[in-house]
Amino acid sequence: MALEFFDVRDESKPFFMTVSHIEPHHQNDHRHYEGPRGSRERFKDFQPPPDLAALEGGDWREEYPDYLGACASLDENLGKIIAKLKEKGLYDDTVIIFLSDHGSHFKTRNRDAHLCGGDDYKRTCHDAALRVPLVIAGGPYRGGRHVRDLVSTGSVPKTVLALAGIDVGDAMMGENLLDVAGGRDPARPQRVFAQISESRVGRCIRTPDWLYSVYAPGVEGSSAPGAERYADDFLYDLRADPCQLRNLAGNPAYFPQRDVLRRQLLDWIEQTEGFRPEITDGP
């Protein structure tokens, strides 16, 4: 349908297109990834990410080849769209944004006593699910730069509007990512926030060095959008523990750092949701 659009569109008008692939979700009632035929053979010698390799349980050993097959298929389809843009003479005048809404932890997380909802493969604040690809190419985004600043996909709508010449200022959350790509601002906060649902009601803050997450005890994650009280879920020192294996939330030696992150998280919740909840120690 996306490819056909370019053959029938009104060429006198600009266009905005969203192509949302369901792959590589669990898109079926089989509860597993299904890549194109031959994926299991093509990707059988895969190298797992270090966090998955370090964790027991989960289903990544069986599922990763199909997952990679689905990702490869997505890449091939993106290539078809780029080829069509070039065929129509639109490529040099089009901005392409490629991103994902979440990753996958292959059922290695969310199996603790704090689970209050359905265990799954994607709903957690660990990097396996939280860290996603984000590529912007075209228009002012040129030069093949790899920007290592932490950014949120919540900034994409404001960025799209900025590309269209619309400055919404503080009327929307996020930032214009062109400002970030233009160069490092030492005053810019290096942190992002996220919320988790269904497996639990949760909130988290991620900085270059720390990951801190809270959850709402006893609140069903598939029915409640938020909570008035949260408790510590996990805290990771990402410099010493990049695979996020040693939870430091209950370690008194890290309470000062936890308290800093907790205040920043509360400030964000208050700004975003309009009220300031309570966060308590432990469960």
Protein backbone atom coordinates (compact mmCIF):
# COMPACT_ATOMS: atom_id res chain seq x y z
CA MET A 1 0.00 0.00 0.00
CA ALA A 2 2.85 2.38 0.78
CA LEU A 3 4.49 1.73 -2.58
CA GLU A 4 1.19 2.11 -4.44
CA PHE A 5 0.61 5.49 -2.80
CA PHE A 6 3.48 7.02 -4.75
CA ASP A 7 1.78 6.09 -8.03
CA VAL A 8 -1.55 7.74 -7.18
CA ARG A 9 -0.73 10.68 -4.89
CA ASP A 10 -1.44 14.30 -5.79
CA GLU A 11 2.03 15.43 -6.81
CA SER A 12 1.11 19.09 -6.27
CA LYS A 13 0.99 18.53 -2.50
CA PRO A 14 3.60 17.47 0.04
CA PHE A 15 3.00 14.19 1.84
CA PHE A 16 3.46 12.64 5.27
CA MET A 17 3.55 8.85 5.47
CA THR A 18 3.67 6.48 8.43
CA VAL A 19 4.49 2.84 7.71
CA SER A 20 4.01 0.78 10.87
CA HIS A 21 5.20 -2.80 10.55
CA ILE A 22 3.81 -5.26 13.06
CA GLU A 23 6.99 -7.33 12.73
CA PRO A 24 8.87 -8.29 14.80
CA HIS A 25 6.04 -8.42 17.35
CA HIS A 26 4.39 -11.60 18.51
CA GLN A 27 1.69 -11.08 15.91
CA ASN A 28 -0.11 -14.38 16.34
CA ASP A 29 -1.61 -16.79 18.85
CA HIS A 30 1.48 -19.02 18.68
CA ARG A 31 3.31 -16.84 21.21
CA HIS A 32 6.50 -16.71 19.21
CA TYR A 33 8.21 -14.74 16.46
CA GLU A 34 7.67 -15.87 12.91
CA GLY A 35 10.26 -14.69 10.43
CA PRO A 36 10.16 -15.44 6.70
CA ARG A 37 10.74 -19.02 5.64
CA GLY A 38 14.37 -19.98 6.06
CA SER A 39 15.03 -17.60 8.97
CA ARG A 40 15.98 -20.36 11.36
CA GLU A 41 18.60 -21.65 8.95
CA ARG A 42 19.82 -18.22 7.85
CA PHE A 43 20.35 -16.91 11.39
CA LYS A 44 21.08 -20.12 13.29
CA ASP A 45 24.62 -18.97 14.17
CA PHE A 46 23.50 -15.71 15.76
CA GLN A 47 25.47 -14.02 18.54
CA PRO A 48 23.09 -13.11 21.40
CA PRO A 49 23.31 -9.74 23.15
CA PRO A 50 25.37 -10.05 26.35
CA ASP A 51 22.45 -9.37 28.70
CA LEU A 52 20.44 -12.25 27.22
CA ALA A 53 23.44 -14.58 27.30
CA ALA A 54 23.97 -13.79 31.01
CA LEU A 55 20.35 -14.44 32.03
CA GLU A 56 18.74 -17.79 32.72
CA GLY A 57 15.35 -18.64 31.35
CA GLY A 58 13.51 -16.84 28.61
CA ASP A 59 12.99 -18.11 25.09
CA TRP A 60 15.69 -16.27 23.14
CA ARG A 61 17.54 -19.46 22.21
CA GLU A 62 14.55 -20.67 20.23
CA GLU A 63 13.15 -17.32 19.12
CA TYR A 64 16.14 -15.19 18.11
CA PRO A 65 16.60 -16.59 14.56
CA ASP A 66 12.97 -15.82 13.68
CA TYR A 67 13.28 -12.43 15.36
CA LEU A 68 16.31 -11.60 13.21
CA GLY A 69 14.49 -12.86 10.14
CA ALA A 70 11.59 -10.51 10.83
CA CYS A 71 14.00 -7.60 11.35
CA ALA A 72 15.79 -8.41 8.09
CA SER A 73 12.45 -8.46 6.27
CA LEU A 74 11.62 -5.05 7.71
CA ASP A 75 14.96 -3.70 6.46
CA GLU A 76 14.29 -5.10 2.99
CA ASN A 77 10.88 -3.43 2.88
CA LEU A 78 12.40 -0.11 3.93
CA GLY A 79 14.80 -0.54 1.01
CA LYS A 80 11.82 -0.90 -1.34
CA ILE A 81 10.39 2.40 -0.13
CA ILE A 82 13.74 4.15 -0.56
CA ALA A 83 14.04 2.73 -4.07
CA LYS A 84 10.55 4.02 -4.90
CA LEU A 85 11.41 7.48 -3.56
CA LYS A 86 14.46 7.54 -5.83
CA GLU A 87 12.42 6.29 -8.80
CA LYS A 88 9.94 9.15 -8.32
CA GLY A 89 12.67 11.77 -7.81
CA LEU A 90 11.58 12.38 -4.21
CA TYR A 91 14.45 10.93 -2.24
CA ASP A 92 16.55 14.10 -2.02
CA ASP A 93 13.53 16.08 -0.82
CA THR A 94 12.25 13.61 1.77
CA VAL A 95 13.11 13.15 5.44
CA ILE A 96 13.02 9.53 6.60
CA ILE A 97 12.63 8.69 10.29
CA PHE A 98 13.18 5.06 11.30
CA LEU A 99 12.44 3.99 14.86
CA SER A 100 10.87 1.33 17.04
CA ASP A 101 8.52 1.71 20.00
CA HIS A 102 10.27 -0.95 22.12
CA GLY A 103 12.69 -3.84 22.05
CA SER A 104 12.38 -7.38 23.43
CA HIS A 105 13.72 -9.09 26.52
CA PHE A 106 12.55 -12.53 25.33
CA LYS A 107 10.77 -13.30 28.62
CA THR A 108 13.94 -12.90 30.69
CA ARG A 109 12.55 -10.03 32.80
CA ASN A 110 9.29 -9.29 34.64
CA ARG A 111 9.32 -12.63 36.45
CA ASP A 112 9.83 -11.25 39.95
CA ALA A 113 7.55 -10.81 42.93
CA HIS A 114 6.53 -7.35 41.70
CA LEU A 115 4.73 -8.72 38.65
CA CYS A 116 1.16 -7.44 38.70
CA GLY A 117 -0.23 -8.15 35.27
CA GLY A 118 0.82 -10.37 32.43
CA ASP A 119 4.35 -11.61 31.92
CA ASP A 120 5.44 -10.88 28.39
CA TYR A 121 8.47 -10.21 26.22
CA LYS A 122 8.64 -6.41 25.97
CA ARG A 123 7.27 -4.51 28.96
CA THR A 124 10.15 -3.53 31.21
CA CYS A 125 12.46 -0.57 31.80
CA HIS A 126 15.55 -2.71 31.20
CA ASP A 127 17.61 -1.70 28.17
CA ALA A 128 16.54 -4.80 26.23
CA ALA A 129 13.12 -3.22 25.83
CA LEU A 130 13.81 0.46 26.51
CA ARG A 131 16.66 1.08 24.05
CA VAL A 132 15.49 1.32 20.44
CA PRO A 133 16.87 2.33 17.04
CA LEU A 134 16.37 5.92 15.90
CA VAL A 135 17.67 7.08 12.51
CA ILE A 136 16.80 10.39 10.83
CA ALA A 137 18.01 11.04 7.29
CA GLY A 138 17.29 13.84 4.84
CA GLY A 139 16.54 17.55 4.99
CA PRO A 140 18.83 19.11 7.60
CA TYR A 141 19.84 15.66 8.88
CA ARG A 142 22.84 14.85 6.73
CA GLY A 143 26.41 13.73 7.23
CA GLY A 144 26.08 10.28 8.79
CA ARG A 145 26.59 11.45 12.37
CA HIS A 146 26.24 9.02 15.25
CA VAL A 147 24.74 11.06 18.09
CA ARG A 148 25.32 9.35 21.42
CA ASP A 149 23.17 11.69 23.50
CA LEU A 150 20.24 10.08 25.28
CA VAL A 151 16.99 11.10 23.59
CA SER A 152 13.37 10.03 23.91
CA THR A 153 11.08 8.91 21.10
CA GLY A 154 8.61 11.25 22.78
CA SER A 155 10.52 14.01 20.97
CA VAL A 156 9.68 12.70 17.50
CA PRO A 157 6.32 14.57 17.10
CA LYS A 158 7.91 17.91 17.97
CA THR A 159 10.78 17.12 15.60
CA VAL A 160 8.40 16.33 12.74
CA LEU A 161 6.59 19.62 13.26
CA ALA A 162 9.91 21.49 13.35
CA LEU A 163 10.84 19.91 10.01
CA ALA A 164 7.59 21.36 8.63
CA GLY A 165 8.53 24.80 9.94
CA ILE A 166 6.23 24.72 12.97
CA ASP A 167 7.73 25.68 16.33
CA VAL A 168 5.41 24.62 19.15
CA GLY A 169 7.77 25.72 21.91
CA ASP A 170 6.80 24.24 25.27
CA ALA A 171 3.28 23.34 24.16
CA MET A 172 4.43 19.75 23.56
CA MET A 173 6.68 17.38 25.45
CA GLY A 174 10.14 16.56 24.15
CA GLU A 175 12.59 18.56 22.10
CA ASN A 176 13.54 19.25 18.51
CA LEU A 177 16.10 16.54 17.83
CA LEU A 178 17.84 18.72 15.24
CA ASP A 179 19.02 20.83 18.17
CA VAL A 180 20.56 17.71 19.71
CA ALA A 181 22.11 16.54 16.44
CA GLY A 182 23.64 19.98 15.90
CA GLY A 183 26.13 19.55 18.70
CA ARG A 184 26.48 18.73 22.35
CA ASP A 185 25.01 21.30 24.73
CA PRO A 186 26.78 20.87 28.09
CA ALA A 187 23.71 22.27 29.86
CA ARG A 188 21.33 19.74 28.28
CA PRO A 189 20.21 17.04 30.78
CA GLN A 190 21.39 13.58 29.76
CA ARG A 191 18.37 11.59 30.90
CA VAL A 192 15.18 10.07 29.54
CA PHE A 193 12.01 8.85 31.20
CA ALA A 194 9.58 6.04 30.40
CA GLN A 195 6.43 4.40 31.73
CA ILE A 196 5.52 0.72 31.78
CA SER A 197 2.09 -0.87 31.70
CA GLU A 198 0.43 -4.29 31.65
CA SER A 199 3.24 -6.24 33.34
CA ARG A 200 3.02 -3.66 36.14
CA VAL A 201 2.39 0.05 36.53
CA GLY A 202 5.88 1.52 36.46
CA ARG A 203 8.01 4.57 35.77
CA CYS A 204 11.76 4.87 35.22
CA ILE A 205 14.63 7.25 34.57
CA ARG A 206 17.68 6.36 32.47
CA THR A 207 20.92 8.37 32.48
CA PRO A 208 24.28 7.46 30.91
CA ASP A 209 25.38 5.89 34.20
CA TRP A 210 22.21 4.84 36.03
CA LEU A 211 18.86 3.13 35.51
CA TYR A 212 16.24 3.53 38.24
CA SER A 213 12.72 2.11 38.06
CA VAL A 214 9.71 2.08 40.37
CA TYR A 215 6.46 0.11 40.37
CA ALA A 216 3.02 0.47 41.95
CA PRO A 217 2.49 -2.35 44.51
CA GLY A 218 -0.75 -4.23 44.00
CA VAL A 219 -1.90 -2.12 41.04
CA GLU A 220 -2.96 -4.16 38.03
CA GLY A 221 -0.78 -3.16 35.12
CA SER A 222 -3.33 -3.84 32.40
CA SER A 223 -6.06 -1.62 33.85
CA ALA A 224 -4.50 1.35 35.70
CA PRO A 225 -2.67 4.15 33.85
CA GLY A 226 -0.85 5.40 36.94
CA ALA A 227 -0.73 5.30 40.71
CA GLU A 228 -0.53 7.51 43.78
CA ARG A 229 2.18 5.39 45.39
CA TYR A 230 5.21 3.67 43.92
CA ALA A 231 8.06 1.67 45.44
CA ASP A 232 11.61 0.92 44.35
CA ASP A 233 11.81 -1.75 41.67
CA PHE A 234 15.47 -1.68 40.62
CA LEU A 235 18.60 0.48 40.44
CA TYR A 236 21.58 -0.39 38.26
CA ASP A 237 25.05 1.12 38.05
CA LEU A 238 25.50 0.94 34.28
CA ARG A 239 29.24 1.60 34.38
CA ALA A 240 29.91 -1.45 36.52
CA ASP A 241 26.91 -3.51 35.40
CA PRO A 242 25.95 -2.73 31.78
CA CYS A 243 23.90 -5.94 31.50
CA GLN A 244 21.74 -4.85 34.46
CA LEU A 245 22.12 -7.97 36.55
CA ARG A 246 22.77 -6.61 40.09
CA ASN A 247 19.87 -4.68 41.60
CA LEU A 248 21.24 -2.02 44.00
CA ALA A 249 17.92 -0.49 45.05
CA GLY A 250 18.12 -1.99 48.54
CA ASN A 251 21.83 -1.31 49.09
CA PRO A 252 22.31 1.57 51.59
CA ALA A 253 25.60 2.54 49.93
CA TYR A 254 23.62 3.64 46.86
CA PHE A 255 20.77 5.44 48.64
CA PRO A 256 22.23 8.93 47.93
CA GLN A 257 22.32 8.26 44.19
CA ARG A 258 18.90 6.61 44.30
CA ASP A 259 17.44 9.65 46.07
CA VAL A 260 18.76 12.00 43.37
CA LEU A 261 17.18 9.89 40.65
CA ARG A 262 13.98 9.55 42.66
CA ARG A 263 13.57 13.34 42.88
CA GLN A 264 14.17 13.72 39.15
CA LEU A 265 11.65 10.99 38.41
CA LEU A 266 9.06 12.59 40.69
CA ASP A 267 9.59 15.96 39.01
CA TRP A 268 8.97 14.36 35.61
CA ILE A 269 5.82 12.54 36.78
CA GLU A 270 4.46 15.77 38.26
CA GLN A 271 5.19 17.72 35.09
CA THR A 272 3.79 15.03 32.79
CA GLU A 273 0.85 13.69 34.76
CA GLY A 274 -0.14 16.71 36.83
CA PHE A 275 0.39 15.31 40.33
CA ARG A 276 3.26 14.22 42.52
CA PRO A 277 2.97 10.64 43.81
CA GLU A 278 4.86 9.06 46.69
CA ILE A 279 7.82 6.73 46.19
CA THR A 280 8.72 4.50 49.10
CA ASP A 281 11.72 2.31 49.82
CA GLY A 282 11.44 -1.29 48.76
CA PRO A 283 8.23 -3.22 48.18
